[in-house]
Amino acid sequence: MRTASVKEIKTELEHLPQDELVKLCLRLIKFKKETKELAGYLLFDAHNEQEYTEQVKEMLDDLFAEVNTRNLYITKKNLRKIVRIAGKYIKYSDEKTTEIELLIFVCKRMQKLKIDYKKSVQLQNLYAAQVKKINKAISVLHEDLQYDYLKEIDEL
């Protein structure tokens, strides 16, 4: 069985009546949690990106509060989980400013944890990867925004 291209699917969807389109969307949403979350973002949060960013920051803040800093192995696992969750919510938004703000938030919260990063190469690499993602996202922004965000990165 061949998988249809996006163009073919788009043209077919344009010919469907609205009630069939709604049924089709609900059927798609029902199967994966991530699809349901994306649909929720698009329907309820996409119109107010600032509020969405604040909600994600609050959720990440709660996860950072639960990080076990006594055991370095558990700390690495917790931080990887937080970065993965942040990446998932960044993926939903098409705006680079949301990506940058969330990644800067994660880096600042990682710094606040009382961890000796010199003891773990993996933690150093995890942090460096986040800073690299921030710099990559900043490079496509307007010069004025780049300047503002680069000032924040200098604090990191």
N, C-alpha and C. Protein backbone atom coordinates (compact mmCIF):
# COMPACT_ATOMS: atom_id res chain seq x y z
N MET A 1 0.84 -1.18 0.00
CA MET A 1 0.00 0.00 0.00
C MET A 1 0.88 1.24 0.00
N ARG A 2 0.58 2.16 -0.88
CA ARG A 2 1.38 3.37 -1.05
C ARG A 2 0.84 4.48 -0.15
N THR A 3 1.76 5.27 0.41
CA THR A 3 1.37 6.41 1.23
C THR A 3 1.17 7.62 0.32
N ALA A 4 0.04 8.29 0.49
CA ALA A 4 -0.28 9.46 -0.33
C ALA A 4 0.59 10.64 0.08
N SER A 5 0.87 11.50 -0.88
CA SER A 5 1.67 12.69 -0.59
C SER A 5 0.80 13.74 0.09
N VAL A 6 1.44 14.74 0.66
CA VAL A 6 0.72 15.82 1.33
C VAL A 6 -0.16 16.56 0.34
N LYS A 7 0.33 16.76 -0.87
CA LYS A 7 -0.45 17.47 -1.88
C LYS A 7 -1.72 16.69 -2.23
N GLU A 8 -1.59 15.39 -2.39
CA GLU A 8 -2.76 14.56 -2.71
C GLU A 8 -3.79 14.59 -1.57
N ILE A 9 -3.30 14.52 -0.35
CA ILE A 9 -4.19 14.56 0.80
C ILE A 9 -4.89 15.91 0.88
N LYS A 10 -4.13 16.99 0.63
CA LYS A 10 -4.70 18.33 0.68
C LYS A 10 -5.83 18.49 -0.34
N THR A 11 -5.60 18.05 -1.57
CA THR A 11 -6.64 18.19 -2.59
C THR A 11 -7.87 17.35 -2.26
N GLU A 12 -7.66 16.18 -1.68
CA GLU A 12 -8.79 15.34 -1.30
C GLU A 12 -9.57 15.96 -0.15
N LEU A 13 -8.86 16.55 0.81
CA LEU A 13 -9.53 17.20 1.95
C LEU A 13 -10.35 18.41 1.51
N GLU A 14 -9.89 19.11 0.49
CA GLU A 14 -10.61 20.28 -0.01
C GLU A 14 -11.97 19.90 -0.59
N HIS A 15 -12.11 18.66 -1.05
CA HIS A 15 -13.36 18.22 -1.67
C HIS A 15 -14.34 17.61 -0.67
N LEU A 16 -13.89 17.37 0.56
CA LEU A 16 -14.78 16.76 1.57
C LEU A 16 -15.74 17.80 2.15
N PRO A 17 -16.97 17.38 2.45
CA PRO A 17 -17.88 18.30 3.16
C PRO A 17 -17.40 18.50 4.60
N GLN A 18 -17.86 19.58 5.23
CA GLN A 18 -17.37 19.96 6.55
C GLN A 18 -17.62 18.89 7.60
N ASP A 19 -18.81 18.27 7.62
CA ASP A 19 -19.09 17.27 8.65
C ASP A 19 -18.19 16.05 8.52
N GLU A 20 -17.86 15.64 7.30
CA GLU A 20 -16.93 14.52 7.11
C GLU A 20 -15.52 14.92 7.53
N LEU A 21 -15.17 16.16 7.27
CA LEU A 21 -13.85 16.66 7.65
C LEU A 21 -13.69 16.66 9.16
N VAL A 22 -14.73 17.08 9.87
CA VAL A 22 -14.70 17.07 11.34
C VAL A 22 -14.57 15.64 11.86
N LYS A 23 -15.31 14.71 11.30
CA LYS A 23 -15.23 13.30 11.72
C LYS A 23 -13.83 12.74 11.47
N LEU A 24 -13.27 13.09 10.34
CA LEU A 24 -11.92 12.63 10.01
C LEU A 24 -10.89 13.17 10.99
N CYS A 25 -11.00 14.46 11.31
CA CYS A 25 -10.06 15.09 12.27
C CYS A 25 -10.19 14.44 13.65
N LEU A 26 -11.40 14.23 14.10
CA LEU A 26 -11.60 13.61 15.41
C LEU A 26 -11.05 12.18 15.44
N ARG A 27 -11.19 11.47 14.34
CA ARG A 27 -10.66 10.12 14.28
C ARG A 27 -9.13 10.14 14.36
N LEU A 28 -8.50 11.09 13.68
CA LEU A 28 -7.05 11.23 13.73
C LEU A 28 -6.57 11.58 15.14
N ILE A 29 -7.27 12.50 15.77
CA ILE A 29 -6.88 13.01 17.08
C ILE A 29 -7.00 11.92 18.14
N LYS A 30 -7.91 11.03 17.98
CA LYS A 30 -8.21 10.03 18.99
C LYS A 30 -7.07 9.04 19.24
N PHE A 31 -6.17 8.85 18.27
CA PHE A 31 -5.19 7.78 18.38
C PHE A 31 -3.89 8.12 19.08
N LYS A 32 -3.42 9.33 19.00
CA LYS A 32 -2.14 9.68 19.62
C LYS A 32 -2.29 10.87 20.55
N LYS A 33 -1.67 10.76 21.69
CA LYS A 33 -1.72 11.85 22.67
C LYS A 33 -1.06 13.11 22.11
N GLU A 34 0.05 12.93 21.40
CA GLU A 34 0.77 14.08 20.85
C GLU A 34 -0.09 14.82 19.82
N THR A 35 -0.84 14.08 19.02
CA THR A 35 -1.73 14.70 18.04
C THR A 35 -2.83 15.47 18.74
N LYS A 36 -3.32 14.91 19.82
CA LYS A 36 -4.37 15.57 20.60
C LYS A 36 -3.82 16.87 21.21
N GLU A 37 -2.59 16.81 21.72
CA GLU A 37 -1.98 18.01 22.29
C GLU A 37 -1.76 19.08 21.23
N LEU A 38 -1.32 18.67 20.04
CA LEU A 38 -1.12 19.63 18.96
C LEU A 38 -2.44 20.27 18.54
N ALA A 39 -3.49 19.46 18.45
CA ALA A 39 -4.80 20.01 18.10
C ALA A 39 -5.28 20.98 19.17
N GLY A 40 -5.04 20.65 20.43
CA GLY A 40 -5.40 21.54 21.52
C GLY A 40 -4.65 22.86 21.44
N TYR A 41 -3.36 22.78 21.11
CA TYR A 41 -2.58 24.01 20.95
C TYR A 41 -3.14 24.86 19.81
N LEU A 42 -3.38 24.22 18.66
CA LEU A 42 -3.85 24.96 17.49
C LEU A 42 -5.22 25.58 17.72
N LEU A 43 -6.07 24.90 18.45
CA LEU A 43 -7.43 25.41 18.67
C LEU A 43 -7.51 26.45 19.79
N PHE A 44 -6.75 26.24 20.86
CA PHE A 44 -6.93 27.06 22.05
C PHE A 44 -5.78 28.00 22.39
N ASP A 45 -4.55 27.64 22.03
CA ASP A 45 -3.40 28.41 22.49
C ASP A 45 -2.65 29.18 21.40
N ALA A 46 -2.83 28.82 20.14
CA ALA A 46 -2.05 29.43 19.06
C ALA A 46 -2.33 30.92 18.92
N HIS A 47 -3.51 31.37 19.29
CA HIS A 47 -3.85 32.78 19.15
C HIS A 47 -3.19 33.66 20.21
N ASN A 48 -2.74 33.06 21.33
CA ASN A 48 -2.09 33.82 22.39
C ASN A 48 -0.78 33.13 22.76
N GLU A 49 0.25 33.41 21.98
CA GLU A 49 1.53 32.73 22.13
C GLU A 49 2.21 33.04 23.48
N GLN A 50 2.05 34.26 23.97
CA GLN A 50 2.66 34.66 25.23
C GLN A 50 2.10 33.84 26.39
N GLU A 51 0.79 33.68 26.42
CA GLU A 51 0.15 32.90 27.48
C GLU A 51 0.58 31.43 27.39
N TYR A 52 0.67 30.91 26.17
CA TYR A 52 1.13 29.53 25.97
C TYR A 52 2.54 29.35 26.52
N THR A 53 3.41 30.30 26.21
CA THR A 53 4.79 30.23 26.70
C THR A 53 4.83 30.24 28.22
N GLU A 54 4.02 31.08 28.83
CA GLU A 54 3.97 31.15 30.29
C GLU A 54 3.46 29.84 30.90
N GLN A 55 2.46 29.23 30.28
CA GLN A 55 1.94 27.96 30.79
C GLN A 55 3.00 26.87 30.71
N VAL A 56 3.73 26.82 29.61
CA VAL A 56 4.78 25.82 29.46
C VAL A 56 5.90 26.07 30.48
N LYS A 57 6.24 27.34 30.70
CA LYS A 57 7.27 27.66 31.69
C LYS A 57 6.86 27.22 33.09
N GLU A 58 5.59 27.43 33.43
CA GLU A 58 5.10 26.99 34.74
C GLU A 58 5.20 25.47 34.88
N MET A 59 4.83 24.76 33.82
CA MET A 59 4.90 23.31 33.87
C MET A 59 6.36 22.85 33.99
N LEU A 60 7.26 23.46 33.24
CA LEU A 60 8.67 23.11 33.32
C LEU A 60 9.25 23.47 34.68
N ASP A 61 8.78 24.57 35.25
CA ASP A 61 9.22 24.98 36.59
C ASP A 61 8.86 23.93 37.62
N ASP A 62 7.65 23.36 37.49
CA ASP A 62 7.24 22.28 38.40
C ASP A 62 8.14 21.06 38.24
N LEU A 63 8.51 20.75 36.99
CA LEU A 63 9.40 19.61 36.76
C LEU A 63 10.79 19.87 37.33
N PHE A 64 11.27 21.09 37.22
CA PHE A 64 12.58 21.42 37.79
C PHE A 64 12.56 21.32 39.31
N ALA A 65 11.42 21.61 39.92
CA ALA A 65 11.32 21.51 41.38
C ALA A 65 11.45 20.07 41.85
N GLU A 66 11.14 19.12 40.98
CA GLU A 66 11.19 17.71 41.34
C GLU A 66 12.53 17.05 41.03
N VAL A 67 13.48 17.79 40.45
CA VAL A 67 14.76 17.21 40.06
C VAL A 67 15.54 16.79 41.29
N ASN A 68 16.02 15.56 41.26
CA ASN A 68 16.83 15.01 42.34
C ASN A 68 18.29 15.37 42.06
N THR A 69 18.85 16.27 42.86
CA THR A 69 20.22 16.72 42.62
C THR A 69 21.24 15.94 43.44
N ARG A 70 20.80 15.01 44.26
CA ARG A 70 21.74 14.24 45.09
C ARG A 70 22.45 13.15 44.29
N ASN A 71 21.73 12.55 43.36
CA ASN A 71 22.29 11.48 42.56
C ASN A 71 22.47 12.00 41.13
N LEU A 72 23.71 12.02 40.65
CA LEU A 72 24.01 12.61 39.35
C LEU A 72 23.33 11.85 38.21
N TYR A 73 23.23 10.53 38.33
CA TYR A 73 22.58 9.73 37.29
C TYR A 73 21.11 10.09 37.18
N ILE A 74 20.43 10.20 38.31
CA ILE A 74 19.01 10.57 38.31
C ILE A 74 18.84 12.01 37.81
N THR A 75 19.76 12.88 38.18
CA THR A 75 19.71 14.27 37.73
C THR A 75 19.77 14.33 36.20
N LYS A 76 20.69 13.56 35.61
CA LYS A 76 20.81 13.53 34.15
C LYS A 76 19.51 13.05 33.51
N LYS A 77 18.93 12.01 34.06
CA LYS A 77 17.68 11.49 33.51
C LYS A 77 16.56 12.53 33.62
N ASN A 78 16.47 13.20 34.77
CA ASN A 78 15.44 14.22 34.97
C ASN A 78 15.62 15.38 34.00
N LEU A 79 16.84 15.84 33.83
CA LEU A 79 17.10 16.97 32.94
C LEU A 79 16.84 16.59 31.47
N ARG A 80 17.20 15.38 31.08
CA ARG A 80 16.90 14.94 29.71
C ARG A 80 15.39 14.91 29.48
N LYS A 81 14.65 14.46 30.48
CA LYS A 81 13.19 14.41 30.38
C LYS A 81 12.63 15.83 30.21
N ILE A 82 13.13 16.76 30.99
CA ILE A 82 12.66 18.14 30.91
C ILE A 82 12.97 18.74 29.54
N VAL A 83 14.17 18.49 29.03
CA VAL A 83 14.55 19.01 27.71
C VAL A 83 13.67 18.38 26.62
N ARG A 84 13.37 17.09 26.76
CA ARG A 84 12.52 16.42 25.79
C ARG A 84 11.10 17.00 25.80
N ILE A 85 10.57 17.23 26.99
CA ILE A 85 9.23 17.82 27.11
C ILE A 85 9.21 19.24 26.55
N ALA A 86 10.23 20.02 26.87
CA ALA A 86 10.32 21.38 26.33
C ALA A 86 10.37 21.34 24.81
N GLY A 87 11.13 20.42 24.26
CA GLY A 87 11.22 20.28 22.81
C GLY A 87 9.89 19.95 22.16
N LYS A 88 9.10 19.12 22.86
CA LYS A 88 7.79 18.76 22.34
C LYS A 88 6.89 19.99 22.25
N TYR A 89 6.89 20.81 23.28
CA TYR A 89 6.04 21.99 23.27
C TYR A 89 6.58 23.07 22.33
N ILE A 90 7.88 23.11 22.13
CA ILE A 90 8.47 24.03 21.18
C ILE A 90 8.05 23.65 19.76
N LYS A 91 8.00 22.36 19.51
CA LYS A 91 7.64 21.85 18.18
C LYS A 91 6.23 22.27 17.77
N TYR A 92 5.32 22.40 18.73
CA TYR A 92 3.95 22.78 18.42
C TYR A 92 3.87 24.20 17.89
N SER A 93 4.72 25.07 18.38
CA SER A 93 4.67 26.48 18.00
C SER A 93 5.58 26.71 16.80
N ASP A 94 5.12 27.52 15.86
CA ASP A 94 5.94 27.86 14.70
C ASP A 94 6.81 29.08 14.94
N GLU A 95 6.61 29.77 16.06
CA GLU A 95 7.33 31.01 16.31
C GLU A 95 8.69 30.73 16.95
N LYS A 96 9.73 31.33 16.38
CA LYS A 96 11.09 31.15 16.90
C LYS A 96 11.26 31.81 18.27
N THR A 97 10.52 32.89 18.51
CA THR A 97 10.66 33.56 19.80
C THR A 97 10.21 32.65 20.94
N THR A 98 9.18 31.84 20.70
CA THR A 98 8.73 30.89 21.72
C THR A 98 9.83 29.87 21.98
N GLU A 99 10.43 29.37 20.92
CA GLU A 99 11.51 28.39 21.07
C GLU A 99 12.66 28.98 21.87
N ILE A 100 13.04 30.20 21.54
CA ILE A 100 14.18 30.83 22.22
C ILE A 100 13.85 31.08 23.69
N GLU A 101 12.67 31.60 23.96
CA GLU A 101 12.30 31.89 25.35
C GLU A 101 12.27 30.63 26.20
N LEU A 102 11.73 29.54 25.66
CA LEU A 102 11.66 28.30 26.43
C LEU A 102 13.04 27.70 26.64
N LEU A 103 13.88 27.74 25.62
CA LEU A 103 15.22 27.19 25.78
C LEU A 103 16.06 28.03 26.75
N ILE A 104 15.93 29.34 26.70
CA ILE A 104 16.65 30.20 27.65
C ILE A 104 16.14 29.91 29.06
N PHE A 105 14.84 29.73 29.20
CA PHE A 105 14.26 29.40 30.51
C PHE A 105 14.85 28.09 31.04
N VAL A 106 14.94 27.08 30.18
CA VAL A 106 15.49 25.79 30.61
C VAL A 106 16.95 25.95 31.03
N CYS A 107 17.73 26.70 30.26
CA CYS A 107 19.15 26.89 30.59
C CYS A 107 19.31 27.65 31.91
N LYS A 108 18.50 28.68 32.11
CA LYS A 108 18.60 29.43 33.37
C LYS A 108 18.22 28.56 34.56
N ARG A 109 17.20 27.75 34.39
CA ARG A 109 16.78 26.85 35.49
C ARG A 109 17.83 25.77 35.74
N MET A 110 18.51 25.32 34.70
CA MET A 110 19.59 24.35 34.88
C MET A 110 20.73 24.96 35.69
N GLN A 111 20.98 26.25 35.45
CA GLN A 111 22.04 26.92 36.20
C GLN A 111 21.66 27.09 37.67
N LYS A 112 20.37 27.29 37.95
CA LYS A 112 19.94 27.49 39.33
C LYS A 112 20.07 26.23 40.17
N LEU A 113 20.04 25.08 39.51
CA LEU A 113 20.20 23.83 40.26
C LEU A 113 21.61 23.78 40.83
N LYS A 114 21.73 23.27 42.02
CA LYS A 114 23.04 23.18 42.67
C LYS A 114 23.76 21.91 42.21
N ILE A 115 24.24 21.98 40.95
CA ILE A 115 24.91 20.82 40.35
C ILE A 115 26.30 21.25 39.91
N ASP A 116 27.27 20.38 40.13
CA ASP A 116 28.62 20.62 39.62
C ASP A 116 28.71 19.99 38.23
N TYR A 117 28.57 20.81 37.21
CA TYR A 117 28.55 20.31 35.84
C TYR A 117 29.91 19.75 35.41
N LYS A 118 30.96 20.10 36.14
CA LYS A 118 32.29 19.60 35.80
C LYS A 118 32.41 18.10 36.04
N LYS A 119 31.55 17.56 36.89
CA LYS A 119 31.59 16.14 37.22
C LYS A 119 30.95 15.27 36.12
N SER A 120 30.18 15.87 35.25
CA SER A 120 29.46 15.07 34.26
C SER A 120 29.60 15.67 32.86
N VAL A 121 30.24 14.94 31.99
CA VAL A 121 30.40 15.38 30.61
C VAL A 121 29.03 15.40 29.92
N GLN A 122 28.16 14.44 30.26
CA GLN A 122 26.83 14.38 29.64
C GLN A 122 26.02 15.64 29.97
N LEU A 123 26.09 16.10 31.19
CA LEU A 123 25.36 17.31 31.57
C LEU A 123 25.94 18.54 30.87
N GLN A 124 27.26 18.58 30.76
CA GLN A 124 27.88 19.68 30.02
C GLN A 124 27.42 19.69 28.57
N ASN A 125 27.38 18.50 27.96
CA ASN A 125 26.95 18.39 26.57
C ASN A 125 25.47 18.74 26.41
N LEU A 126 24.65 18.35 27.37
CA LEU A 126 23.22 18.66 27.33
C LEU A 126 23.01 20.17 27.37
N TYR A 127 23.72 20.82 28.27
CA TYR A 127 23.62 22.28 28.39
C TYR A 127 24.15 22.97 27.13
N ALA A 128 25.28 22.49 26.63
CA ALA A 128 25.87 23.09 25.43
C ALA A 128 24.95 22.91 24.22
N ALA A 129 24.27 21.79 24.15
CA ALA A 129 23.34 21.55 23.03
C ALA A 129 22.18 22.54 23.08
N GLN A 130 21.72 22.86 24.28
CA GLN A 130 20.62 23.83 24.40
C GLN A 130 21.07 25.22 23.97
N VAL A 131 22.27 25.60 24.37
CA VAL A 131 22.80 26.90 23.98
C VAL A 131 23.00 26.95 22.46
N LYS A 132 23.44 25.84 21.88
CA LYS A 132 23.61 25.78 20.42
C LYS A 132 22.26 25.93 19.71
N LYS A 133 21.21 25.30 20.24
CA LYS A 133 19.87 25.44 19.66
C LYS A 133 19.39 26.88 19.75
N ILE A 134 19.68 27.53 20.87
CA ILE A 134 19.28 28.93 21.04
C ILE A 134 19.96 29.80 19.99
N ASN A 135 21.28 29.62 19.82
CA ASN A 135 22.02 30.43 18.85
C ASN A 135 21.52 30.19 17.43
N LYS A 136 21.17 28.94 17.12
CA LYS A 136 20.66 28.63 15.79
C LYS A 136 19.32 29.31 15.55
N ALA A 137 18.45 29.29 16.56
CA ALA A 137 17.14 29.92 16.43
C ALA A 137 17.26 31.44 16.34
N ILE A 138 18.21 32.01 17.07
CA ILE A 138 18.40 33.46 17.05
C ILE A 138 18.90 33.94 15.69
N SER A 139 19.68 33.11 15.02
CA SER A 139 20.28 33.54 13.76
C SER A 139 19.26 33.85 12.67
N VAL A 140 18.03 33.35 12.78
CA VAL A 140 17.01 33.61 11.75
C VAL A 140 16.08 34.77 12.11
N LEU A 141 16.28 35.36 13.28
CA LEU A 141 15.42 36.47 13.71
C LEU A 141 15.88 37.81 13.14
N HIS A 142 15.03 38.81 13.30
CA HIS A 142 15.36 40.18 12.91
C HIS A 142 16.50 40.68 13.79
N GLU A 143 17.29 41.62 13.29
CA GLU A 143 18.48 42.09 14.00
C GLU A 143 18.17 42.66 15.37
N ASP A 144 17.06 43.39 15.51
CA ASP A 144 16.71 43.97 16.81
C ASP A 144 16.42 42.88 17.83
N LEU A 145 15.68 41.87 17.42
CA LEU A 145 15.39 40.76 18.33
C LEU A 145 16.65 39.97 18.64
N GLN A 146 17.51 39.83 17.63
CA GLN A 146 18.77 39.12 17.86
C GLN A 146 19.57 39.81 18.95
N TYR A 147 19.63 41.11 18.89
CA TYR A 147 20.39 41.87 19.88
C TYR A 147 19.84 41.64 21.28
N ASP A 148 18.50 41.70 21.43
CA ASP A 148 17.88 41.51 22.74
C ASP A 148 18.17 40.11 23.29
N TYR A 149 18.01 39.11 22.45
CA TYR A 149 18.23 37.74 22.92
C TYR A 149 19.70 37.43 23.15
N LEU A 150 20.58 38.04 22.36
CA LEU A 150 22.01 37.82 22.56
C LEU A 150 22.47 38.38 23.92
N LYS A 151 21.82 39.47 24.35
CA LYS A 151 22.14 40.01 25.68
C LYS A 151 21.75 38.98 26.76
N GLU A 152 20.62 38.33 26.57
CA GLU A 152 20.20 37.30 27.53
C GLU A 152 21.13 36.11 27.51
N ILE A 153 21.61 35.73 26.34
CA ILE A 153 22.50 34.59 26.23
C ILE A 153 23.83 34.86 26.90
N ASP A 154 24.28 36.10 26.85
CA ASP A 154 25.54 36.44 27.50
C ASP A 154 25.50 36.16 29.00
N GLU A 155 24.29 36.22 29.58
CA GLU A 155 24.15 35.89 31.00
C GLU A 155 24.33 34.39 31.25
N LEU A 156 24.04 33.59 30.22
CA LEU A 156 24.19 32.15 30.36
C LEU A 156 25.65 31.78 30.38
